[in-house]
Amino acid sequence: MSAIPGLLRVMALRDAEAIILETGKVPTLRRRGALEALAMPALEPKLVEDFVTPLVAGRDEWPATVTFTDDGGSYQCTIDKTAAGLRIIAKKGKPPEAKAPAGLHPAADDKPRSWWAKPTAPDAAPTVVAPSAQPTFVAQATVVEAAPRDGLARAAHVLAHAVSMARERGASDVIISTGQAVRVRVDGRVETIDVHVDDQQLAACVTALGSNSDHSLEIEGVRLRVNAFDHLTGYGIAARLIREQVPTLDSLNLPPEIANVIEHRDGLVLVCGSTGSGKSTTLAALVDLVDQRRAAHIITLEDPIEYKFQPRRSLIHQRELGVHIPTFAAGLRAALREAPDVILLGEMRDQETIATALTAAETGHLVLATLHAPNAAGANDRIIEAFPDGQQRQVRWQLAGVLRHVITQYLLPRRDGGRAAAVELVPMTPAVGNIIRKGDLHTLPTAIQSGRDAGMIPLERSLAKLLDAGIVAPQVVKRVAADQDLLAALANRLR
């Protein structure tokens, strides 16, 4: 599937008048009369051709003006030939009708607009000013009024009151669903709040955003990661509130030994856990620690960008999936051409991304990545099993050579409210390397238990400390521990 529809959405997200997409050149936004190149590689010829071909089928006159419509919105595109290939100049068109199927339509007026002929002086996009009686909400730098038509502006309007209450309660998430009370997640618990959202507005918002779509949004200084979806009885939005200040390892109450992982100058560091276990937050804390301790070139590949880093000693380039890069694998390949020292990889999701990450770790880069896995053994299994049987032996050897640390974390409810982190920390040792090469991952828990001198922290030791301190209830600890006997033994030693 072409990545160009995603680039068209960037124009709307960044409140630009137009975007210029040209074969062999970096995509460029036109904002307030100035040109801004996106932080991504030049467009490959095939990428542009595959997008343009169905749009201009049967047309002989150039330039051609057409309208492209998908779930993200409607865009008026003028397409012309250049010496290198093709040029597309696009601006935001009218939003699609609710639930209208995606498609391609000829523009009602085929005659090129004056701004195509004079790209240096584009028509200014109309400014929508909120009436004084209504609050204003910021959605990617766009000011909207009570009945906005743009998808992100609609989302800002629908979410504004709920987000305000969620922030007051210290909630991490807001969940809105047709015909249901609005819910927020506080310290892992789902609670109802007294906020009304009109079902028709919710439906229009999800339709404009596109079902099963992810977006970044800002409302009154609160940054959000938003997912829009439909379901059996209607529509829904789930929004994650993102803290502005990058946390430290100390503020997250993580073991001080975790700071050692950034001393590596190459290799792979994995942060594992389930959804909502704080993996991306820990990665952000590690990147911030690198920035504190040394001058490095750091490239982050995220979905979406959560924390905005304020560089001190390092040069940090942050890129978002669907905005600056089409896929994690493509972003990794591009990053390797840009002389990075450290690469943050939001998630190792597929074989191509995993293979590229292993290569990056092998070739002198420190790769910090997240993986959905319950422990170090599960993380190794998931990486190896992503490849066909015939490649798995080679991958085991490659992984044993590049892996530096595996951090697995769980967030557990505290007795006094809030959540506490329990951690398994597995540094690479010769014994662990041999286990990975031989495929004897069932013996890894034993190696972790006996490897205290090498810096190993079994999950059960972390759980026992939380239990001994009275921070977490016994039933919570027992539910998480994989080895109940080890947990009991470690807890007895601490008494």
Protein backbone atom coordinates (compact mmCIF):
# COMPACT_ATOMS: atom_id res chain seq x y z
CA MET A 1 0.00 0.00 0.00
CA SER A 2 1.35 3.46 -0.91
CA ALA A 3 2.68 5.62 1.92
CA ILE A 4 1.57 8.80 0.14
CA PRO A 5 -1.92 8.94 1.75
CA GLY A 6 -0.12 9.09 5.08
CA LEU A 7 1.98 12.00 3.82
CA LEU A 8 -1.18 13.79 2.71
CA ARG A 9 -2.51 13.48 6.25
CA VAL A 10 0.67 15.10 7.54
CA MET A 11 -0.36 18.27 5.71
CA ALA A 12 -3.62 18.43 7.67
CA LEU A 13 -1.99 17.41 10.95
CA ARG A 14 0.57 20.21 10.67
CA ASP A 15 -1.91 22.84 9.48
CA ALA A 16 -0.07 23.33 6.17
CA GLU A 17 -1.58 24.93 3.06
CA ALA A 18 -0.04 22.34 0.75
CA ILE A 19 2.40 19.47 0.45
CA ILE A 20 4.74 18.98 -2.51
CA LEU A 21 5.62 15.39 -3.42
CA GLU A 22 8.18 14.99 -6.18
CA THR A 23 10.08 11.99 -7.53
CA GLY A 24 13.56 11.79 -6.03
CA LYS A 25 13.00 14.64 -3.57
CA VAL A 26 12.13 14.91 0.12
CA PRO A 27 8.42 15.76 0.68
CA THR A 28 7.96 19.45 1.51
CA LEU A 29 5.19 21.28 3.36
CA ARG A 30 4.11 24.81 2.51
CA ARG A 31 3.14 26.54 5.76
CA ARG A 32 2.41 30.25 6.03
CA GLY A 33 4.23 30.87 2.76
CA ALA A 34 7.42 29.03 3.83
CA LEU A 35 8.70 25.63 2.68
CA GLU A 36 9.52 22.96 5.29
CA ALA A 37 11.14 19.67 4.27
CA LEU A 38 9.99 16.60 6.20
CA ALA A 39 12.60 14.56 8.07
CA MET A 40 12.50 11.49 5.83
CA PRO A 41 14.26 10.05 2.75
CA ALA A 42 13.55 11.23 -0.81
CA LEU A 43 10.54 9.65 -2.54
CA GLU A 44 11.31 6.64 -4.68
CA PRO A 45 9.96 6.74 -8.28
CA LYS A 46 7.79 3.64 -7.88
CA LEU A 47 6.12 5.04 -4.75
CA VAL A 48 5.00 8.15 -6.65
CA GLU A 49 4.04 6.27 -9.83
CA ASP A 50 1.91 3.71 -7.98
CA PHE A 51 -0.09 6.50 -6.36
CA VAL A 52 -0.47 8.65 -9.48
CA THR A 53 -1.29 5.98 -12.09
CA PRO A 54 -4.93 5.30 -11.06
CA LEU A 55 -5.54 9.02 -10.53
CA VAL A 56 -4.59 10.10 -14.07
CA ALA A 57 -5.75 7.05 -16.03
CA GLY A 58 -7.06 8.15 -19.44
CA ARG A 59 -5.80 11.73 -19.11
CA ASP A 60 -3.63 13.30 -21.83
CA GLU A 61 -3.39 16.90 -20.63
CA TRP A 62 -0.87 18.05 -18.05
CA PRO A 63 -1.05 19.25 -15.39
CA ALA A 64 -4.03 17.17 -14.23
CA THR A 65 -6.14 18.23 -11.25
CA VAL A 66 -7.97 15.47 -9.38
CA THR A 67 -9.44 14.77 -5.96
CA PHE A 68 -8.14 11.88 -3.87
CA THR A 69 -10.32 10.61 -1.03
CA ASP A 70 -9.59 8.06 1.67
CA ASP A 71 -10.51 7.48 5.30
CA GLY A 72 -8.17 10.30 6.32
CA GLY A 73 -9.98 12.95 4.27
CA SER A 74 -10.23 14.51 0.83
CA TYR A 75 -7.30 16.14 -0.99
CA GLN A 76 -7.16 18.18 -4.19
CA CYS A 77 -4.06 17.18 -6.13
CA THR A 78 -2.42 18.77 -9.15
CA ILE A 79 -0.10 16.31 -10.89
CA ASP A 80 2.51 17.30 -13.44
CA LYS A 81 5.45 15.70 -15.21
CA THR A 82 9.03 16.74 -14.43
CA ALA A 83 12.42 15.80 -15.85
CA ALA A 84 12.92 13.33 -12.98
CA GLY A 85 9.40 11.89 -13.01
CA LEU A 86 6.29 13.35 -11.39
CA ARG A 87 5.29 16.18 -9.08
CA ILE A 88 2.17 16.25 -6.89
CA ILE A 89 1.01 19.45 -5.21
CA ALA A 90 -1.85 18.72 -2.84
CA LYS A 91 -4.03 20.72 -0.52
CA LYS A 92 -6.83 19.76 1.83
CA GLY A 93 -10.21 19.30 0.14
CA LYS A 94 -13.65 18.87 1.62
CA PRO A 95 -13.96 16.11 4.23
CA PRO A 96 -15.68 12.93 3.03
CA GLU A 97 -19.30 12.26 3.89
CA ALA A 98 -19.85 10.07 6.93
CA LYS A 99 -19.18 6.40 6.21
CA ALA A 100 -18.47 7.12 2.55
CA PRO A 101 -16.30 4.43 0.94
CA ALA A 102 -12.74 5.40 0.02
CA GLY A 103 -12.21 6.14 -3.63
CA LEU A 104 -10.74 8.33 -6.33
CA HIS A 105 -12.82 10.99 -8.05
CA PRO A 106 -12.06 13.53 -10.80
CA ALA A 107 -12.16 17.10 -9.49
CA ALA A 108 -15.25 19.07 -10.42
CA ASP A 109 -13.01 21.74 -11.93
CA ASP A 110 -10.21 20.30 -14.05
CA LYS A 111 -8.70 23.70 -14.74
CA PRO A 112 -5.58 24.25 -12.60
CA ARG A 113 -6.07 26.76 -9.81
CA SER A 114 -3.94 29.89 -9.76
CA TRP A 115 -2.00 28.66 -6.75
CA TRP A 116 -0.75 25.64 -8.76
CA ALA A 117 0.68 28.04 -11.32
CA LYS A 118 2.25 30.22 -8.62
CA PRO A 119 3.34 27.87 -5.83
CA THR A 120 5.40 30.60 -4.16
CA ALA A 121 2.27 32.51 -3.21
CA PRO A 122 -0.42 30.02 -2.16
CA ASP A 123 -3.90 31.03 -1.16
CA ALA A 124 -4.04 31.18 2.60
CA ALA A 125 -6.16 28.52 4.27
CA PRO A 126 -9.23 30.08 5.89
CA THR A 127 -8.79 30.80 9.57
CA VAL A 128 -11.57 29.50 11.81
CA VAL A 129 -11.94 31.57 14.95
CA ALA A 130 -13.71 30.17 17.99
CA PRO A 131 -16.52 32.36 19.33
CA SER A 132 -15.69 33.98 22.65
CA ALA A 133 -18.43 32.05 24.45
CA GLN A 134 -16.87 28.72 23.53
CA PRO A 135 -13.58 27.30 24.83
CA THR A 136 -10.86 26.80 22.24
CA PHE A 137 -9.07 23.52 21.84
CA VAL A 138 -5.73 23.00 20.12
CA ALA A 139 -5.56 20.08 17.70
CA GLN A 140 -2.16 19.99 16.00
CA ALA A 141 -2.00 23.80 16.01
CA THR A 142 -5.49 24.18 14.48
CA VAL A 143 -8.00 26.34 16.40
CA VAL A 144 -11.49 24.89 16.15
CA GLU A 145 -14.99 25.94 17.12
CA ALA A 146 -17.97 24.09 18.56
CA ALA A 147 -18.81 22.14 15.39
CA PRO A 148 -15.49 21.44 13.63
CA ARG A 149 -15.42 19.40 10.41
CA ASP A 150 -11.82 18.18 10.38
CA GLY A 151 -11.26 14.77 12.01
CA LEU A 152 -8.65 15.84 14.55
CA ALA A 153 -10.57 19.00 15.35
CA ARG A 154 -13.70 16.90 15.93
CA ALA A 155 -11.68 14.64 18.24
CA ALA A 156 -10.43 17.65 20.21
CA HIS A 157 -14.01 18.85 20.62
CA VAL A 158 -15.32 15.42 21.68
CA LEU A 159 -12.46 14.73 24.11
CA ALA A 160 -11.87 18.17 25.64
CA HIS A 161 -14.04 17.94 28.78
CA ALA A 162 -13.13 14.30 29.45
CA VAL A 163 -9.41 15.03 29.09
CA SER A 164 -9.69 17.94 31.52
CA MET A 165 -11.31 15.71 34.15
CA ALA A 166 -8.88 12.87 33.42
CA ARG A 167 -5.93 15.18 34.03
CA GLU A 168 -7.43 16.30 37.37
CA ARG A 169 -7.76 12.66 38.46
CA GLY A 170 -4.29 11.68 37.30
CA ALA A 171 -5.76 9.25 34.76
CA SER A 172 -3.69 7.59 32.06
CA ASP A 173 -6.51 6.90 29.56
CA VAL A 174 -9.93 8.13 28.43
CA ILE A 175 -12.40 5.71 26.79
CA ILE A 176 -15.55 6.95 25.03
CA SER A 177 -18.13 4.59 23.50
CA THR A 178 -21.56 4.96 21.93
CA GLY A 179 -24.34 4.84 24.50
CA GLN A 180 -21.94 4.39 27.43
CA ALA A 181 -20.69 6.58 30.24
CA VAL A 182 -17.22 8.00 29.67
CA ARG A 183 -14.52 6.01 31.45
CA VAL A 184 -11.00 6.89 32.58
CA ARG A 185 -8.20 4.62 33.75
CA VAL A 186 -6.62 5.62 37.05
CA ASP A 187 -3.75 3.50 38.38
CA GLY A 188 -4.92 0.64 36.20
CA ARG A 189 -8.55 0.79 37.39
CA VAL A 190 -11.39 1.80 35.05
CA GLU A 191 -13.66 4.48 36.56
CA THR A 192 -16.74 6.34 35.31
CA ILE A 193 -16.70 10.15 35.11
CA ASP A 194 -19.59 12.60 34.82
CA VAL A 195 -19.04 13.73 31.23
CA HIS A 196 -21.58 13.54 28.42
CA VAL A 197 -20.51 12.98 24.81
CA ASP A 198 -23.14 13.22 22.08
CA ASP A 199 -23.35 9.94 20.15
CA GLN A 200 -23.78 11.71 16.81
CA GLN A 201 -20.68 13.83 17.41
CA LEU A 202 -18.74 10.69 18.35
CA ALA A 203 -19.89 8.94 15.16
CA ALA A 204 -18.91 11.91 13.00
CA CYS A 205 -15.53 12.10 14.71
CA VAL A 206 -14.66 8.43 14.19
CA THR A 207 -15.91 8.56 10.60
CA ALA A 208 -13.71 11.58 9.87
CA LEU A 209 -10.65 10.06 11.54
CA GLY A 210 -11.15 6.61 10.04
CA SER A 211 -11.95 3.44 11.97
CA ASN A 212 -9.03 1.55 13.52
CA SER A 213 -6.75 4.56 13.06
CA ASP A 214 -4.11 6.08 15.34
CA HIS A 215 -3.47 9.80 15.75
CA SER A 216 -1.47 12.28 17.82
CA LEU A 217 -3.45 15.16 19.28
CA GLU A 218 -2.96 18.05 21.70
CA ILE A 219 -5.74 19.61 23.77
CA GLU A 220 -5.01 22.60 25.99
CA GLY A 221 -1.40 21.56 26.49
CA VAL A 222 -2.15 17.86 27.02
CA ARG A 223 -0.68 15.56 24.39
CA LEU A 224 -2.70 12.46 23.51
CA ARG A 225 -2.31 9.23 21.61
CA VAL A 226 -5.75 8.59 20.11
CA ASN A 227 -7.23 5.44 18.59
CA ALA A 228 -10.59 5.68 16.79
CA PHE A 229 -12.63 2.52 16.20
CA ASP A 230 -16.08 1.16 15.50
CA HIS A 231 -17.71 -1.85 17.15
CA LEU A 232 -20.88 -3.91 17.24
CA THR A 233 -23.10 -1.20 18.74
CA GLY A 234 -21.46 2.01 17.51
CA TYR A 235 -18.20 3.93 17.73
CA GLY A 236 -15.42 4.49 20.21
CA ILE A 237 -12.30 6.49 21.00
CA ALA A 238 -9.48 5.48 23.33
CA ALA A 239 -7.02 8.24 24.24
CA ARG A 240 -3.77 7.87 26.19
CA LEU A 241 -2.62 11.00 28.05
CA ILE A 242 1.10 11.60 27.59
CA ARG A 243 3.16 13.30 30.25
CA GLU A 244 5.28 16.15 28.95
CA GLN A 245 8.23 15.70 31.30
CA VAL A 246 10.48 12.77 30.45
CA PRO A 247 10.66 10.57 33.57
CA THR A 248 13.87 9.42 35.21
CA LEU A 249 14.65 5.87 36.27
CA ASP A 250 14.51 7.07 39.88
CA SER A 251 11.06 8.61 39.45
CA LEU A 252 9.86 5.30 37.99
CA ASN A 253 11.30 3.45 41.03
CA LEU A 254 13.28 1.14 38.79
CA PRO A 255 16.38 -0.70 40.06
CA PRO A 256 19.56 1.42 39.71
CA GLU A 257 21.21 -1.49 37.87
CA ILE A 258 19.07 -0.69 34.82
CA ALA A 259 21.17 2.42 34.22
CA ASN A 260 24.05 0.12 33.24
CA VAL A 261 22.37 -0.78 29.95
CA ILE A 262 23.26 2.55 28.35
CA GLU A 263 26.99 2.00 28.92
CA HIS A 264 27.00 -0.28 25.87
CA ARG A 265 28.09 1.36 22.63
CA ASP A 266 26.48 -1.27 20.43
CA GLY A 267 24.14 -4.24 20.60
CA LEU A 268 20.46 -4.76 21.43
CA VAL A 269 18.65 -3.87 24.65
CA LEU A 270 15.08 -5.14 24.97
CA VAL A 271 12.38 -3.71 27.24
CA CYS A 272 9.60 -6.30 27.50
CA GLY A 273 6.18 -6.54 29.07
CA SER A 274 2.51 -6.48 28.27
CA THR A 275 0.52 -3.55 26.87
CA GLY A 276 0.38 -0.78 29.47
CA SER A 277 3.36 -2.03 31.46
CA GLY A 278 5.35 1.15 30.87
CA LYS A 279 7.80 -0.13 28.25
CA SER A 280 7.90 3.07 26.20
CA THR A 281 8.22 5.16 29.37
CA THR A 282 11.28 3.18 30.44
CA LEU A 283 12.78 3.56 26.96
CA ALA A 284 12.27 7.32 27.17
CA ALA A 285 14.03 7.40 30.55
CA LEU A 286 16.97 5.46 29.07
CA VAL A 287 17.28 7.84 26.11
CA ASP A 288 17.19 10.80 28.48
CA LEU A 289 19.95 9.18 30.54
CA VAL A 290 22.12 8.76 27.43
CA ASP A 291 21.57 12.45 26.71
CA GLN A 292 22.69 13.34 30.24
CA ARG A 293 25.84 11.24 30.19
CA ARG A 294 27.34 11.63 26.75
CA ALA A 295 27.21 13.39 23.41
CA ALA A 296 25.58 11.06 20.90
CA HIS A 297 23.40 11.10 17.80
CA ILE A 298 20.09 9.52 18.84
CA ILE A 299 17.32 8.63 16.39
CA THR A 300 13.93 7.55 17.75
CA LEU A 301 11.31 5.68 15.71
CA GLU A 302 8.00 5.84 17.56
CA ASP A 303 4.30 5.06 17.13
CA PRO A 304 3.42 7.74 18.02
CA ILE A 305 5.95 10.18 19.50
CA GLU A 306 5.10 10.26 23.20
CA TYR A 307 7.73 12.32 25.00
CA LYS A 308 9.37 15.31 23.31
CA PHE A 309 13.03 15.27 24.30
CA GLN A 310 14.88 18.50 25.10
CA PRO A 311 18.48 17.68 24.05
CA ARG A 312 21.31 18.63 26.36
CA ARG A 313 24.49 16.87 25.26
CA SER A 314 23.13 14.78 22.40
CA LEU A 315 21.56 15.41 19.01
CA ILE A 316 18.10 13.78 19.03
CA HIS A 317 15.92 13.23 15.96
CA GLN A 318 12.41 11.92 16.68
CA ARG A 319 10.33 10.28 13.94
CA GLU A 320 6.76 9.07 14.01
CA LEU A 321 5.30 6.09 12.18
CA GLY A 322 2.91 7.26 9.45
CA VAL A 323 4.21 10.83 9.61
CA HIS A 324 7.96 10.70 9.03
CA ILE A 325 8.39 6.99 8.21
CA PRO A 326 6.03 4.50 6.52
CA THR A 327 7.14 1.47 8.59
CA PHE A 328 9.55 0.72 11.42
CA ALA A 329 11.70 -1.36 9.05
CA ALA A 330 11.91 1.49 6.52
CA GLY A 331 12.70 3.94 9.30
CA LEU A 332 15.49 1.70 10.57
CA ARG A 333 17.02 1.39 7.10
CA ALA A 334 16.93 5.16 6.69
CA ALA A 335 18.40 5.70 10.16
CA LEU A 336 21.37 3.46 9.39
CA ARG A 337 22.38 5.88 6.62
CA GLU A 338 22.42 8.82 9.04
CA ALA A 339 25.33 7.92 11.35
CA PRO A 340 23.38 7.31 14.58
CA ASP A 341 24.96 6.13 17.82
CA VAL A 342 21.70 5.12 19.50
CA ILE A 343 18.41 4.05 17.88
CA LEU A 344 15.18 3.84 19.86
CA LEU A 345 12.79 1.41 18.16
CA GLY A 346 9.21 1.74 19.35
CA GLU A 347 8.37 -1.92 18.77
CA MET A 348 9.82 -5.01 17.10
CA ARG A 349 6.63 -6.19 15.41
CA ASP A 350 7.59 -8.34 12.44
CA GLN A 351 10.37 -10.35 10.83
CA GLU A 352 11.62 -7.50 8.64
CA THR A 353 11.89 -5.07 11.56
CA ILE A 354 13.56 -7.67 13.79
CA ALA A 355 16.09 -8.60 11.09
CA THR A 356 16.95 -4.95 10.46
CA ALA A 357 17.30 -4.29 14.20
CA LEU A 358 19.69 -7.23 14.59
CA THR A 359 21.77 -5.92 11.69
CA ALA A 360 21.82 -2.42 13.21
CA ALA A 361 22.97 -3.84 16.55
CA GLU A 362 25.67 -5.85 14.77
CA THR A 363 27.06 -2.88 12.88
CA GLY A 364 28.07 -0.65 15.78
CA HIS A 365 24.78 0.89 16.95
CA LEU A 366 23.06 0.63 20.31
CA VAL A 367 19.43 -0.34 19.62
CA LEU A 368 16.88 0.15 22.42
CA ALA A 369 13.63 -1.62 21.55
CA THR A 370 10.38 -2.84 23.08
CA LEU A 371 8.88 -6.29 22.63
CA HIS A 372 5.65 -7.84 23.84
CA ALA A 373 6.95 -10.76 25.92
CA PRO A 374 6.42 -11.97 29.51
CA ASN A 375 10.11 -12.53 30.34
CA ALA A 376 13.60 -12.89 28.85
CA ALA A 377 12.99 -16.45 27.67
CA GLY A 378 9.76 -15.40 25.96
CA ALA A 379 11.52 -12.46 24.30
CA ASN A 380 14.19 -14.71 22.80
CA ASP A 381 11.53 -17.18 21.68
CA ARG A 382 9.50 -14.48 19.98
CA ILE A 383 12.48 -13.13 18.05
CA ILE A 384 13.68 -16.54 16.91
CA GLU A 385 10.22 -17.83 15.99
CA ALA A 386 9.59 -14.79 13.79
CA PHE A 387 11.84 -16.48 11.22
CA PRO A 388 11.33 -19.64 9.13
CA ASP A 389 12.73 -22.89 10.52
CA GLY A 390 15.64 -22.86 8.09
CA GLN A 391 16.86 -19.48 9.40
CA GLN A 392 16.36 -19.98 13.12
CA ARG A 393 19.80 -21.46 13.87
CA GLN A 394 21.49 -18.47 12.23
CA VAL A 395 19.20 -16.05 14.11
CA ARG A 396 20.01 -17.72 17.45
CA TRP A 397 23.72 -17.19 16.86
CA GLN A 398 23.17 -13.63 15.68
CA LEU A 399 20.96 -12.82 18.67
CA ALA A 400 23.45 -14.34 21.13
CA GLY A 401 26.11 -12.08 19.64
CA VAL A 402 24.21 -8.77 19.81
CA LEU A 403 21.89 -9.05 22.83
CA ARG A 404 23.12 -6.96 25.79
CA HIS A 405 20.26 -6.77 28.30
CA VAL A 406 16.62 -7.86 28.59
CA ILE A 407 14.43 -5.84 30.94
CA THR A 408 10.93 -7.14 31.69
CA GLN A 409 8.56 -5.09 33.80
CA TYR A 410 5.14 -5.40 35.38
CA LEU A 411 3.06 -2.59 36.86
CA LEU A 412 1.24 -3.77 39.99
CA PRO A 413 -1.46 -1.98 42.03
CA ARG A 414 -0.10 -0.51 45.26
CA ARG A 415 -1.90 -0.85 48.56
CA ASP A 416 -1.99 2.94 48.93
CA GLY A 417 -3.03 3.69 45.34
CA GLY A 418 -0.91 4.11 42.27
CA ARG A 419 1.21 1.38 40.75
CA ALA A 420 4.62 -0.11 41.49
CA ALA A 421 7.07 -1.63 39.03
CA ALA A 422 8.38 -5.17 39.39
CA VAL A 423 11.35 -5.96 37.16
CA GLU A 424 13.32 -8.88 35.76
CA LEU A 425 16.80 -7.84 34.57
CA VAL A 426 18.92 -10.21 32.49
CA PRO A 427 22.35 -9.02 31.31
CA MET A 428 24.11 -11.03 28.63
CA THR A 429 26.68 -13.47 30.04
CA PRO A 430 28.60 -16.35 28.41
CA ALA A 431 26.13 -18.77 30.03
CA VAL A 432 23.11 -16.92 28.64
CA GLY A 433 24.76 -16.71 25.22
CA ASN A 434 25.28 -20.47 25.15
CA ILE A 435 21.66 -21.07 26.16
CA ILE A 436 20.44 -18.92 23.27
CA ARG A 437 22.76 -20.54 20.71
CA LYS A 438 21.70 -24.05 21.73
CA GLY A 439 18.02 -23.14 21.89
CA ASP A 440 17.79 -24.33 25.52
CA LEU A 441 15.65 -21.42 26.64
CA HIS A 442 13.82 -23.57 29.19
CA THR A 443 17.03 -23.48 31.26
CA LEU A 444 17.24 -19.68 31.26
CA PRO A 445 15.22 -19.18 34.51
CA THR A 446 17.77 -21.32 36.39
CA ALA A 447 20.64 -19.26 34.98
CA ILE A 448 18.87 -16.07 36.08
CA GLN A 449 18.34 -17.36 39.62
CA SER A 450 22.01 -18.31 40.01
CA GLY A 451 23.44 -15.24 38.29
CA ARG A 452 23.22 -12.61 41.02
CA ASP A 453 26.96 -11.90 40.84
CA ALA A 454 26.54 -11.18 37.11
CA GLY A 455 23.81 -8.63 37.81
CA MET A 456 20.78 -10.87 37.25
CA ILE A 457 17.55 -9.82 38.96
CA PRO A 458 14.85 -12.52 38.91
CA LEU A 459 11.32 -11.16 38.82
CA GLU A 460 10.61 -12.98 42.08
CA ARG A 461 13.33 -10.99 43.91
CA SER A 462 11.73 -7.74 42.82
CA LEU A 463 8.31 -9.04 43.89
CA ALA A 464 9.67 -10.17 47.27
CA LYS A 465 11.04 -6.68 47.97
CA LEU A 466 7.68 -5.08 47.16
CA LEU A 467 5.94 -7.60 49.42
CA ASP A 468 8.40 -7.10 52.28
CA ALA A 469 7.99 -3.32 52.09
CA GLY A 470 4.22 -3.68 52.28
CA ILE A 471 3.80 -1.86 48.98
CA VAL A 472 1.88 -4.62 47.17
CA ALA A 473 -0.62 -7.16 48.51
CA PRO A 474 0.43 -10.85 48.73
CA GLN A 475 -2.28 -12.02 46.33
CA VAL A 476 -1.07 -9.56 43.68
CA VAL A 477 2.52 -10.77 43.99
CA LYS A 478 1.55 -14.44 43.82
CA ARG A 479 -0.50 -13.83 40.69
CA VAL A 480 2.53 -12.48 38.83
CA ALA A 481 5.32 -14.77 40.09
CA ALA A 482 6.27 -17.60 37.75
CA ASP A 483 8.12 -19.54 40.49
CA GLN A 484 6.12 -19.59 43.73
CA ASP A 485 8.78 -21.57 45.63
CA LEU A 486 11.49 -19.06 44.72
CA LEU A 487 9.20 -16.18 45.72
CA ALA A 488 8.55 -17.76 49.13
CA ALA A 489 12.25 -18.44 49.69
CA LEU A 490 13.30 -14.90 48.77
CA ALA A 491 10.51 -13.38 50.89
CA ASN A 492 11.64 -15.44 53.92
CA ARG A 493 15.23 -14.20 53.54
CA LEU A 494 14.05 -10.60 53.70
CA ARG A 495 12.16 -11.08 56.97
